[in-house]
C-alpha cells in the first residue's frame, strides 16, 4: 500500500482481503506506472523487502505488471500459518 501511494503515480488503489481454499489472500492493485518501470524484476529494494516480509510469515508473494498499467501485489498466507 505504501509503495502504491508513494511511488506509482496511481489515482486508484484497490485493496482486497479474501480466502481461497482456507488460505488468506491480500491483494493490492493500482493503476499507476507499474512496479518494474525503472528496475529489473526481482532486483529492486521494494521487492526484496516485500519478499522478506512474506517469508517471515511463510506467505507466497506474487507481483504482476498489469496490461493497462499499474501493478498487482498478492500475498497468500497458507491456512496452516494463518492464525
N, C-alpha and C. Protein backbone atom coordinates (compact mmCIF):
# COMPACT_ATOMS: atom_id res chain seq x y z
N UNK A 1 0.83 -1.18 0.00
CA UNK A 1 0.00 0.00 0.00
C UNK A 1 0.87 1.25 0.00
N UNK A 2 1.88 1.24 0.83
CA UNK A 2 2.79 2.38 0.90
C UNK A 2 3.47 2.63 -0.44
N UNK A 3 3.94 1.55 -1.08
CA UNK A 3 4.59 1.71 -2.38
C UNK A 3 3.63 2.29 -3.41
N UNK A 4 2.39 1.83 -3.43
CA UNK A 4 1.41 2.35 -4.37
C UNK A 4 1.19 3.84 -4.14
N UNK A 5 1.07 4.24 -2.89
CA UNK A 5 0.80 5.64 -2.57
C UNK A 5 1.99 6.54 -2.87
N UNK A 6 3.19 6.07 -2.60
CA UNK A 6 4.37 6.92 -2.71
C UNK A 6 5.04 6.92 -4.08
N UNK A 7 4.97 5.79 -4.80
CA UNK A 7 5.82 5.66 -5.97
C UNK A 7 5.11 5.44 -7.29
N UNK A 8 3.86 5.02 -7.26
CA UNK A 8 3.23 4.55 -8.50
C UNK A 8 2.65 5.66 -9.37
N UNK A 9 2.28 6.77 -8.77
CA UNK A 9 1.58 7.80 -9.51
C UNK A 9 0.13 7.43 -9.77
N UNK A 10 -0.36 6.43 -9.07
CA UNK A 10 -1.73 5.94 -9.27
C UNK A 10 -2.75 6.91 -8.69
N UNK A 11 -3.92 6.94 -9.30
CA UNK A 11 -5.02 7.68 -8.71
C UNK A 11 -6.11 6.73 -8.20
N UNK A 12 -5.88 5.43 -8.35
CA UNK A 12 -6.80 4.41 -7.81
C UNK A 12 -5.99 3.25 -7.26
N UNK A 13 -6.37 2.80 -6.07
CA UNK A 13 -5.77 1.61 -5.46
C UNK A 13 -6.91 0.76 -4.94
N UNK A 14 -6.87 -0.53 -5.29
CA UNK A 14 -7.90 -1.48 -4.87
C UNK A 14 -7.26 -2.46 -3.89
N UNK A 15 -7.83 -2.57 -2.70
CA UNK A 15 -7.31 -3.48 -1.68
C UNK A 15 -8.39 -4.52 -1.39
N UNK A 16 -8.01 -5.79 -1.46
CA UNK A 16 -8.97 -6.86 -1.21
C UNK A 16 -8.40 -7.87 -0.24
N UNK A 17 -9.23 -8.28 0.68
CA UNK A 17 -8.91 -9.36 1.60
C UNK A 17 -9.90 -10.47 1.32
N UNK A 18 -9.41 -11.68 1.13
CA UNK A 18 -10.32 -12.79 0.82
C UNK A 18 -9.71 -14.09 1.31
N UNK A 19 -10.47 -15.18 1.11
CA UNK A 19 -9.99 -16.51 1.44
C UNK A 19 -10.13 -17.39 0.21
N UNK A 20 -9.19 -18.31 0.07
CA UNK A 20 -9.20 -19.24 -1.05
C UNK A 20 -8.69 -20.59 -0.54
N UNK A 21 -9.57 -21.57 -0.53
CA UNK A 21 -9.22 -22.91 -0.03
C UNK A 21 -8.59 -22.86 1.36
N UNK A 22 -9.10 -21.98 2.21
CA UNK A 22 -8.60 -21.85 3.56
C UNK A 22 -7.43 -20.90 3.72
N UNK A 23 -6.78 -20.54 2.62
CA UNK A 23 -5.67 -19.58 2.69
C UNK A 23 -6.24 -18.16 2.77
N UNK A 24 -5.47 -17.27 3.36
CA UNK A 24 -5.84 -15.85 3.42
C UNK A 24 -5.09 -15.13 2.30
N UNK A 25 -5.83 -14.30 1.56
CA UNK A 25 -5.24 -13.54 0.45
C UNK A 25 -5.36 -12.04 0.73
N UNK A 26 -4.28 -11.33 0.47
CA UNK A 26 -4.28 -9.87 0.49
C UNK A 26 -3.81 -9.44 -0.88
N UNK A 27 -4.62 -8.61 -1.54
CA UNK A 27 -4.32 -8.19 -2.91
C UNK A 27 -4.40 -6.68 -2.98
N UNK A 28 -3.34 -6.06 -3.48
CA UNK A 28 -3.31 -4.61 -3.68
C UNK A 28 -3.02 -4.36 -5.16
N UNK A 29 -3.92 -3.65 -5.83
CA UNK A 29 -3.75 -3.35 -7.25
C UNK A 29 -3.90 -1.84 -7.45
N UNK A 30 -3.09 -1.30 -8.33
CA UNK A 30 -3.19 0.13 -8.64
C UNK A 30 -3.15 0.35 -10.14
N UNK A 31 -3.43 1.57 -10.54
CA UNK A 31 -3.41 1.92 -11.96
C UNK A 31 -2.25 2.87 -12.28
N UNK A 32 -1.17 2.74 -11.54
CA UNK A 32 -0.01 3.62 -11.71
C UNK A 32 0.89 3.19 -12.86
N UNK A 33 2.11 3.62 -12.82
CA UNK A 33 3.03 3.38 -13.93
C UNK A 33 3.66 2.00 -13.91
N UNK A 34 3.45 1.21 -12.87
CA UNK A 34 3.96 -0.15 -12.85
C UNK A 34 5.17 -0.32 -11.96
N UNK A 35 5.27 -1.44 -11.35
CA UNK A 35 6.34 -1.73 -10.40
C UNK A 35 7.69 -1.79 -11.07
N UNK A 36 7.76 -2.32 -12.27
CA UNK A 36 9.04 -2.56 -12.92
C UNK A 36 9.43 -1.47 -13.91
N UNK A 37 8.85 -0.28 -13.78
CA UNK A 37 9.13 0.77 -14.76
C UNK A 37 10.58 1.23 -14.73
N UNK A 38 11.28 1.12 -13.60
CA UNK A 38 12.64 1.62 -13.55
C UNK A 38 13.62 0.63 -12.94
N UNK A 39 13.19 -0.60 -12.73
CA UNK A 39 14.11 -1.58 -12.16
C UNK A 39 13.85 -2.95 -12.76
N UNK A 40 14.83 -3.79 -12.67
CA UNK A 40 14.67 -5.14 -13.19
C UNK A 40 13.82 -5.95 -12.22
N UNK A 41 12.92 -6.81 -12.72
CA UNK A 41 12.07 -7.60 -11.83
C UNK A 41 12.89 -8.38 -10.81
N UNK A 42 12.46 -8.29 -9.55
CA UNK A 42 13.10 -9.04 -8.50
C UNK A 42 14.38 -8.44 -7.96
N UNK A 43 14.80 -7.31 -8.48
CA UNK A 43 16.09 -6.74 -8.09
C UNK A 43 15.94 -5.48 -7.23
N UNK A 44 14.79 -4.86 -7.24
CA UNK A 44 14.63 -3.60 -6.51
C UNK A 44 14.49 -3.81 -5.01
N UNK A 45 14.85 -2.79 -4.25
CA UNK A 45 14.79 -2.87 -2.80
C UNK A 45 13.36 -3.09 -2.31
N UNK A 46 12.39 -2.43 -2.93
CA UNK A 46 10.99 -2.60 -2.53
C UNK A 46 10.54 -4.04 -2.65
N UNK A 47 10.90 -4.68 -3.76
CA UNK A 47 10.54 -6.08 -3.96
C UNK A 47 11.22 -6.96 -2.92
N UNK A 48 12.48 -6.70 -2.65
CA UNK A 48 13.22 -7.51 -1.67
C UNK A 48 12.60 -7.40 -0.28
N UNK A 49 12.22 -6.21 0.12
CA UNK A 49 11.62 -6.01 1.44
C UNK A 49 10.27 -6.71 1.53
N UNK A 50 9.45 -6.59 0.48
CA UNK A 50 8.16 -7.28 0.50
C UNK A 50 8.37 -8.79 0.57
N UNK A 51 9.35 -9.31 -0.16
CA UNK A 51 9.60 -10.75 -0.15
C UNK A 51 10.09 -11.20 1.23
N UNK A 52 10.94 -10.43 1.87
CA UNK A 52 11.40 -10.77 3.22
C UNK A 52 10.25 -10.81 4.20
N UNK A 53 9.36 -9.85 4.10
CA UNK A 53 8.20 -9.82 5.00
C UNK A 53 7.28 -11.00 4.75
N UNK A 54 7.08 -11.35 3.50
CA UNK A 54 6.25 -12.52 3.17
C UNK A 54 6.91 -13.79 3.72
N UNK A 55 8.22 -13.90 3.57
CA UNK A 55 8.94 -15.07 4.07
C UNK A 55 8.79 -15.21 5.59
N UNK A 56 8.79 -14.09 6.29
CA UNK A 56 8.66 -14.13 7.75
C UNK A 56 7.35 -14.77 8.21
N UNK A 57 6.31 -14.61 7.40
CA UNK A 57 5.01 -15.19 7.78
C UNK A 57 4.66 -16.40 6.92
N UNK A 58 5.68 -16.96 6.26
CA UNK A 58 5.51 -18.17 5.44
C UNK A 58 4.46 -17.97 4.35
N UNK A 59 4.46 -16.81 3.73
CA UNK A 59 3.48 -16.47 2.70
C UNK A 59 4.13 -16.51 1.32
N UNK A 60 3.29 -16.67 0.30
CA UNK A 60 3.73 -16.58 -1.09
C UNK A 60 3.42 -15.18 -1.59
N UNK A 61 4.39 -14.58 -2.26
CA UNK A 61 4.24 -13.23 -2.79
C UNK A 61 4.28 -13.28 -4.31
N UNK A 62 3.32 -12.62 -4.94
CA UNK A 62 3.29 -12.53 -6.41
C UNK A 62 3.13 -11.07 -6.79
N UNK A 63 3.95 -10.62 -7.72
CA UNK A 63 3.88 -9.25 -8.21
C UNK A 63 3.73 -9.31 -9.72
N UNK A 64 2.69 -8.64 -10.22
CA UNK A 64 2.43 -8.64 -11.66
C UNK A 64 2.24 -7.22 -12.16
N UNK A 65 2.80 -6.96 -13.32
CA UNK A 65 2.53 -5.70 -14.00
C UNK A 65 1.25 -5.90 -14.80
N UNK A 66 0.32 -4.97 -14.65
CA UNK A 66 -0.97 -5.07 -15.34
C UNK A 66 -0.84 -4.63 -16.80
N UNK A 67 -1.62 -5.24 -17.67
CA UNK A 67 -1.55 -4.94 -19.10
C UNK A 67 -1.82 -3.47 -19.41
N UNK A 68 -2.73 -2.86 -18.67
CA UNK A 68 -3.09 -1.47 -18.94
C UNK A 68 -2.37 -0.50 -18.02
N UNK A 69 -1.30 -0.93 -17.42
CA UNK A 69 -0.55 -0.09 -16.48
C UNK A 69 -0.88 -0.46 -15.05
N UNK A 70 0.01 -0.14 -14.18
CA UNK A 70 -0.22 -0.44 -12.78
C UNK A 70 0.36 -1.79 -12.39
N UNK A 71 0.19 -2.11 -11.13
CA UNK A 71 0.77 -3.30 -10.55
C UNK A 71 -0.24 -3.97 -9.64
N UNK A 72 -0.17 -5.30 -9.57
CA UNK A 72 -0.94 -6.06 -8.61
C UNK A 72 0.03 -6.86 -7.76
N UNK A 73 -0.08 -6.71 -6.45
CA UNK A 73 0.72 -7.46 -5.49
C UNK A 73 -0.24 -8.33 -4.70
N UNK A 74 0.05 -9.62 -4.66
CA UNK A 74 -0.81 -10.54 -3.91
C UNK A 74 0.04 -11.34 -2.94
N UNK A 75 -0.43 -11.42 -1.72
CA UNK A 75 0.23 -12.19 -0.68
C UNK A 75 -0.75 -13.28 -0.23
N UNK A 76 -0.28 -14.54 -0.31
CA UNK A 76 -1.11 -15.68 0.09
C UNK A 76 -0.51 -16.30 1.34
N UNK A 77 -1.28 -16.23 2.43
CA UNK A 77 -0.85 -16.83 3.68
C UNK A 77 -1.52 -18.19 3.80
N UNK A 78 -0.70 -19.21 3.81
CA UNK A 78 -1.22 -20.58 3.84
C UNK A 78 -2.03 -20.80 5.11
N UNK A 79 -3.09 -21.56 5.00
CA UNK A 79 -4.01 -21.81 6.10
C UNK A 79 -3.28 -22.30 7.35
N UNK A 80 -2.27 -23.15 7.18
CA UNK A 80 -1.60 -23.71 8.35
C UNK A 80 -0.84 -22.65 9.15
N UNK A 81 -0.56 -21.48 8.53
CA UNK A 81 0.15 -20.42 9.24
C UNK A 81 -0.77 -19.27 9.63
N UNK A 82 -1.98 -19.25 9.14
CA UNK A 82 -2.90 -18.14 9.38
C UNK A 82 -3.66 -18.38 10.68
N UNK A 83 -3.24 -17.71 11.70
CA UNK A 83 -3.96 -17.82 12.98
C UNK A 83 -3.79 -16.56 13.78
